[in-house]
């Protein structure tokens, strides 16, 4: 996915949004939820994944899971370093946020 700082020519090959079909669930992926230009439930999406804020978070609204896995790169903006997993099991989907240890120069 293309992020907001991906401005070089190579990044134009990256899509701004992506639709995934996994385990019978439709998942809409985009960088910034503020750029969401559709109604996920009406469009049939079970999950919307976005990450612009780097803040790990998940919430369910109108039957749709909104999921931000956080950021697995160097710590930014004093946010936690994390990844996220979507777990498709028994006809349901849920998110799991996984904190990562912080290490390296200047990291705490």
N, C-alpha and C. Protein backbone atom coordinates (compact mmCIF):
# COMPACT_ATOMS: atom_id res chain seq x y z
N UNK A 1 0.82 -1.17 0.00
CA UNK A 1 0.00 0.00 0.00
C UNK A 1 0.88 1.25 0.00
N UNK A 2 0.36 2.25 -0.62
CA UNK A 2 1.07 3.52 -0.67
C UNK A 2 0.70 4.36 0.55
N UNK A 3 1.72 4.93 1.20
CA UNK A 3 1.50 5.80 2.35
C UNK A 3 1.60 7.26 1.96
N UNK A 4 1.34 8.13 2.91
CA UNK A 4 1.32 9.56 2.61
C UNK A 4 2.70 10.15 2.33
N UNK A 5 3.78 9.48 2.72
CA UNK A 5 5.11 10.00 2.42
C UNK A 5 5.75 9.29 1.22
N UNK A 6 5.02 8.40 0.60
CA UNK A 6 5.52 7.70 -0.59
C UNK A 6 5.26 8.57 -1.81
N UNK A 7 6.25 9.41 -2.14
CA UNK A 7 6.08 10.41 -3.20
C UNK A 7 6.94 10.15 -4.43
N UNK A 8 7.96 9.31 -4.30
CA UNK A 8 8.87 9.07 -5.43
C UNK A 8 8.18 8.27 -6.53
N UNK A 9 8.79 8.25 -7.69
CA UNK A 9 8.19 7.60 -8.86
C UNK A 9 7.84 6.13 -8.61
N UNK A 10 8.70 5.41 -7.88
CA UNK A 10 8.44 3.99 -7.63
C UNK A 10 7.11 3.77 -6.93
N UNK A 11 6.70 4.73 -6.10
CA UNK A 11 5.50 4.54 -5.29
C UNK A 11 4.21 4.60 -6.11
N UNK A 12 4.27 5.20 -7.29
CA UNK A 12 3.06 5.30 -8.12
C UNK A 12 2.57 3.93 -8.57
N UNK A 13 3.42 2.94 -8.47
CA UNK A 13 3.03 1.57 -8.82
C UNK A 13 2.24 0.90 -7.70
N UNK A 14 2.28 1.48 -6.51
CA UNK A 14 1.58 0.91 -5.37
C UNK A 14 0.13 1.41 -5.35
N UNK A 15 -0.81 0.53 -5.07
CA UNK A 15 -2.20 0.97 -5.04
C UNK A 15 -2.50 1.82 -3.79
N UNK A 16 -3.49 2.69 -3.90
CA UNK A 16 -3.93 3.48 -2.75
C UNK A 16 -4.89 2.68 -1.88
N UNK A 17 -5.60 1.75 -2.48
CA UNK A 17 -6.50 0.88 -1.74
C UNK A 17 -6.35 -0.54 -2.28
N UNK A 18 -6.80 -1.48 -1.49
CA UNK A 18 -6.75 -2.89 -1.90
C UNK A 18 -7.94 -3.60 -1.28
N UNK A 19 -8.53 -4.51 -2.03
CA UNK A 19 -9.61 -5.34 -1.52
C UNK A 19 -9.10 -6.76 -1.44
N UNK A 20 -9.27 -7.37 -0.27
CA UNK A 20 -8.85 -8.75 -0.06
C UNK A 20 -10.07 -9.60 0.28
N UNK A 21 -10.09 -10.81 -0.20
CA UNK A 21 -11.11 -11.78 0.16
C UNK A 21 -10.39 -12.94 0.84
N UNK A 22 -10.63 -13.11 2.13
CA UNK A 22 -9.96 -14.16 2.89
C UNK A 22 -10.98 -14.87 3.77
N UNK A 23 -11.02 -16.18 3.67
CA UNK A 23 -11.89 -16.98 4.53
C UNK A 23 -13.35 -16.56 4.48
N UNK A 24 -13.79 -16.07 3.34
CA UNK A 24 -15.18 -15.65 3.20
C UNK A 24 -15.45 -14.23 3.69
N UNK A 25 -14.41 -13.50 4.05
CA UNK A 25 -14.56 -12.13 4.51
C UNK A 25 -13.94 -11.17 3.50
N UNK A 26 -14.61 -10.05 3.29
CA UNK A 26 -14.08 -8.98 2.44
C UNK A 26 -13.39 -7.96 3.34
N UNK A 27 -12.16 -7.61 2.97
CA UNK A 27 -11.34 -6.70 3.76
C UNK A 27 -10.89 -5.55 2.85
N UNK A 28 -11.14 -4.34 3.32
CA UNK A 28 -10.74 -3.15 2.56
C UNK A 28 -9.53 -2.54 3.25
N UNK A 29 -8.47 -2.30 2.49
CA UNK A 29 -7.22 -1.79 3.05
C UNK A 29 -6.90 -0.45 2.40
N UNK A 30 -6.59 0.54 3.23
CA UNK A 30 -6.15 1.84 2.75
C UNK A 30 -5.23 2.44 3.80
N UNK A 31 -4.50 3.47 3.41
CA UNK A 31 -3.54 4.05 4.34
C UNK A 31 -4.22 4.86 5.45
N UNK A 32 -5.11 5.76 5.07
CA UNK A 32 -5.67 6.72 6.01
C UNK A 32 -7.19 6.59 6.04
N UNK A 33 -7.74 6.23 7.19
CA UNK A 33 -9.19 6.07 7.30
C UNK A 33 -9.95 7.35 6.96
N UNK A 34 -9.32 8.51 7.12
CA UNK A 34 -9.96 9.77 6.77
C UNK A 34 -10.23 9.84 5.26
N UNK A 35 -9.55 9.01 4.49
CA UNK A 35 -9.72 9.00 3.04
C UNK A 35 -10.76 7.96 2.59
N UNK A 36 -11.40 7.31 3.53
CA UNK A 36 -12.40 6.30 3.23
C UNK A 36 -13.55 6.95 2.46
N UNK A 37 -13.78 6.49 1.24
CA UNK A 37 -14.78 7.12 0.38
C UNK A 37 -15.94 6.18 0.04
N UNK A 38 -16.20 5.24 0.93
CA UNK A 38 -17.33 4.33 0.74
C UNK A 38 -17.89 3.96 2.10
N UNK A 39 -19.06 3.35 2.09
CA UNK A 39 -19.68 2.87 3.32
C UNK A 39 -19.38 1.38 3.41
N UNK A 40 -18.44 1.00 4.29
CA UNK A 40 -17.98 -0.39 4.34
C UNK A 40 -19.09 -1.42 4.49
N UNK A 41 -20.04 -1.19 5.37
CA UNK A 41 -21.10 -2.18 5.57
C UNK A 41 -21.93 -2.33 4.30
N UNK A 42 -22.31 -1.22 3.69
CA UNK A 42 -23.10 -1.26 2.46
C UNK A 42 -22.33 -1.94 1.32
N UNK A 43 -21.00 -1.79 1.33
CA UNK A 43 -20.17 -2.39 0.29
C UNK A 43 -19.84 -3.85 0.59
N UNK A 44 -20.26 -4.35 1.75
CA UNK A 44 -20.05 -5.75 2.09
C UNK A 44 -18.73 -6.08 2.76
N UNK A 45 -18.05 -5.07 3.29
CA UNK A 45 -16.76 -5.32 3.94
C UNK A 45 -16.97 -5.66 5.42
N UNK A 46 -16.25 -6.67 5.88
CA UNK A 46 -16.28 -7.05 7.29
C UNK A 46 -15.21 -6.30 8.07
N UNK A 47 -14.13 -5.90 7.37
CA UNK A 47 -12.98 -5.26 8.03
C UNK A 47 -12.47 -4.13 7.15
N UNK A 48 -12.08 -3.04 7.80
CA UNK A 48 -11.35 -1.95 7.15
C UNK A 48 -10.03 -1.83 7.89
N UNK A 49 -8.93 -1.91 7.16
CA UNK A 49 -7.59 -1.79 7.76
C UNK A 49 -6.96 -0.50 7.27
N UNK A 50 -6.50 0.32 8.20
CA UNK A 50 -5.79 1.55 7.89
C UNK A 50 -4.71 1.78 8.93
N UNK A 51 -3.69 2.58 8.59
CA UNK A 51 -2.58 2.71 9.53
C UNK A 51 -1.96 4.07 9.66
N UNK A 52 -2.51 5.09 9.05
CA UNK A 52 -1.89 6.41 8.98
C UNK A 52 -1.44 6.97 10.34
N UNK A 53 -2.24 6.80 11.35
CA UNK A 53 -1.94 7.40 12.65
C UNK A 53 -0.82 6.70 13.41
N UNK A 54 -0.48 5.49 13.02
CA UNK A 54 0.51 4.66 13.72
C UNK A 54 0.04 4.26 15.11
N UNK A 55 -1.21 4.52 15.45
CA UNK A 55 -1.75 4.18 16.77
C UNK A 55 -2.48 2.85 16.66
N UNK A 56 -1.99 1.80 17.33
CA UNK A 56 -2.69 0.52 17.28
C UNK A 56 -4.08 0.64 17.90
N UNK A 57 -5.07 0.19 17.18
CA UNK A 57 -6.43 0.36 17.65
C UNK A 57 -7.36 -0.55 16.87
N UNK A 58 -8.41 -0.98 17.53
CA UNK A 58 -9.47 -1.70 16.84
C UNK A 58 -10.79 -1.35 17.48
N UNK A 59 -11.78 -1.21 16.65
CA UNK A 59 -13.13 -0.96 17.14
C UNK A 59 -14.12 -1.46 16.12
N UNK A 60 -15.27 -1.84 16.61
CA UNK A 60 -16.34 -2.32 15.74
C UNK A 60 -17.40 -1.23 15.68
N UNK A 61 -17.76 -0.86 14.45
CA UNK A 61 -18.81 0.13 14.22
C UNK A 61 -19.76 -0.42 13.17
N UNK A 62 -21.02 -0.49 13.50
CA UNK A 62 -22.05 -0.93 12.57
C UNK A 62 -21.73 -2.31 12.00
N UNK A 63 -21.12 -3.16 12.83
CA UNK A 63 -20.82 -4.52 12.41
C UNK A 63 -19.55 -4.68 11.59
N UNK A 64 -18.78 -3.59 11.45
CA UNK A 64 -17.53 -3.62 10.68
C UNK A 64 -16.36 -3.40 11.65
N UNK A 65 -15.31 -4.21 11.54
CA UNK A 65 -14.11 -4.05 12.36
C UNK A 65 -13.19 -3.04 11.68
N UNK A 66 -12.87 -1.96 12.38
CA UNK A 66 -11.88 -0.98 11.92
C UNK A 66 -10.60 -1.29 12.68
N UNK A 67 -9.54 -1.57 11.92
CA UNK A 67 -8.32 -2.12 12.52
C UNK A 67 -7.09 -1.34 12.07
N UNK A 68 -6.32 -0.87 13.03
CA UNK A 68 -5.03 -0.22 12.77
C UNK A 68 -3.98 -1.04 13.51
N UNK A 69 -3.08 -1.72 12.77
CA UNK A 69 -2.08 -2.57 13.42
C UNK A 69 -0.96 -1.81 14.10
N UNK A 70 -0.92 -0.48 13.94
CA UNK A 70 0.17 0.30 14.51
C UNK A 70 1.33 0.38 13.54
N UNK A 71 2.53 0.43 14.06
CA UNK A 71 3.72 0.56 13.24
C UNK A 71 4.80 -0.39 13.75
N UNK A 72 5.36 -1.19 12.85
CA UNK A 72 6.40 -2.15 13.22
C UNK A 72 7.80 -1.58 13.02
N UNK A 73 7.89 -0.39 12.45
CA UNK A 73 9.19 0.22 12.21
C UNK A 73 9.71 0.94 13.44
N UNK A 74 10.66 1.82 13.24
CA UNK A 74 11.19 2.58 14.38
C UNK A 74 10.06 3.34 15.08
N UNK A 75 10.18 3.45 16.38
CA UNK A 75 9.15 4.15 17.16
C UNK A 75 8.99 5.58 16.66
N UNK A 76 7.71 6.00 16.49
CA UNK A 76 7.41 7.33 15.99
C UNK A 76 6.37 7.97 16.89
N UNK A 77 6.51 9.25 17.12
CA UNK A 77 5.51 10.03 17.83
C UNK A 77 5.18 9.45 19.21
N UNK A 78 6.14 8.77 19.83
CA UNK A 78 5.96 8.16 21.15
C UNK A 78 4.85 7.11 21.17
N UNK A 79 4.51 6.59 20.00
CA UNK A 79 3.50 5.54 19.91
C UNK A 79 4.15 4.19 20.18
N UNK A 80 3.37 3.21 20.63
CA UNK A 80 3.93 1.88 20.79
C UNK A 80 4.32 1.28 19.44
N UNK A 81 5.24 0.37 19.46
CA UNK A 81 5.63 -0.37 18.26
C UNK A 81 4.84 -1.67 18.28
N UNK A 82 4.15 -1.95 17.19
CA UNK A 82 3.28 -3.13 17.20
C UNK A 82 3.00 -3.62 15.78
N UNK A 83 2.46 -4.81 15.73
CA UNK A 83 1.89 -5.36 14.51
C UNK A 83 0.48 -5.82 14.86
N UNK A 84 -0.26 -6.17 13.85
CA UNK A 84 -1.61 -6.67 14.11
C UNK A 84 -1.86 -7.93 13.31
N UNK A 85 -2.74 -8.74 13.85
CA UNK A 85 -3.15 -9.96 13.16
C UNK A 85 -4.67 -9.96 13.06
N UNK A 86 -5.17 -10.38 11.91
CA UNK A 86 -6.59 -10.64 11.78
C UNK A 86 -6.78 -12.14 11.90
N UNK A 87 -7.66 -12.54 12.76
CA UNK A 87 -7.89 -13.96 13.01
C UNK A 87 -9.28 -14.31 12.48
N UNK A 88 -9.30 -15.18 11.48
CA UNK A 88 -10.53 -15.64 10.85
C UNK A 88 -10.80 -17.03 11.38
N UNK A 89 -11.85 -17.16 12.19
CA UNK A 89 -12.07 -18.44 12.86
C UNK A 89 -13.55 -18.62 13.16
N UNK A 90 -14.05 -19.81 12.88
CA UNK A 90 -15.43 -20.18 13.21
C UNK A 90 -16.45 -19.17 12.68
N UNK A 91 -16.24 -18.69 11.46
CA UNK A 91 -17.20 -17.79 10.84
C UNK A 91 -17.16 -16.37 11.35
N UNK A 92 -16.12 -16.03 12.10
CA UNK A 92 -16.00 -14.65 12.59
C UNK A 92 -14.57 -14.15 12.34
N UNK A 93 -14.43 -12.85 12.42
CA UNK A 93 -13.12 -12.23 12.26
C UNK A 93 -12.88 -11.32 13.45
N UNK A 94 -11.67 -11.35 13.97
CA UNK A 94 -11.29 -10.46 15.07
C UNK A 94 -9.84 -10.04 14.88
N UNK A 95 -9.50 -8.94 15.50
CA UNK A 95 -8.14 -8.44 15.42
C UNK A 95 -7.38 -8.74 16.69
N UNK A 96 -6.09 -8.84 16.54
CA UNK A 96 -5.20 -8.99 17.70
C UNK A 96 -4.03 -8.05 17.51
N UNK A 97 -3.79 -7.18 18.48
CA UNK A 97 -2.66 -6.26 18.45
C UNK A 97 -1.52 -6.89 19.23
N UNK A 98 -0.33 -6.90 18.62
CA UNK A 98 0.82 -7.56 19.20
C UNK A 98 1.92 -6.52 19.42
N UNK A 99 2.18 -6.14 20.68
CA UNK A 99 3.27 -5.19 20.94
C UNK A 99 4.62 -5.83 20.64
N UNK A 100 5.53 -5.04 20.12
CA UNK A 100 6.88 -5.51 19.82
C UNK A 100 7.87 -4.85 20.77
N UNK A 101 8.94 -5.56 21.12
CA UNK A 101 9.95 -4.95 21.98
C UNK A 101 10.64 -3.81 21.22
N UNK A 102 11.00 -2.80 21.95
CA UNK A 102 11.69 -1.65 21.35
C UNK A 102 13.16 -1.78 21.70
N UNK A 103 14.01 -1.66 20.69
CA UNK A 103 15.45 -1.74 20.94
C UNK A 103 16.16 -0.83 19.96
N UNK A 104 17.42 -0.58 20.24
CA UNK A 104 18.23 0.24 19.35
C UNK A 104 18.53 1.60 19.96
N UNK A 105 19.40 2.35 19.30
CA UNK A 105 19.81 3.65 19.82
C UNK A 105 18.63 4.59 19.97
N UNK A 106 18.54 5.22 21.13
CA UNK A 106 17.50 6.21 21.36
C UNK A 106 16.11 5.62 21.58
N UNK A 107 16.00 4.32 21.63
CA UNK A 107 14.69 3.69 21.82
C UNK A 107 14.50 3.35 23.29
N UNK A 108 13.28 3.42 23.77
CA UNK A 108 12.96 3.04 25.14
C UNK A 108 11.79 2.11 25.13
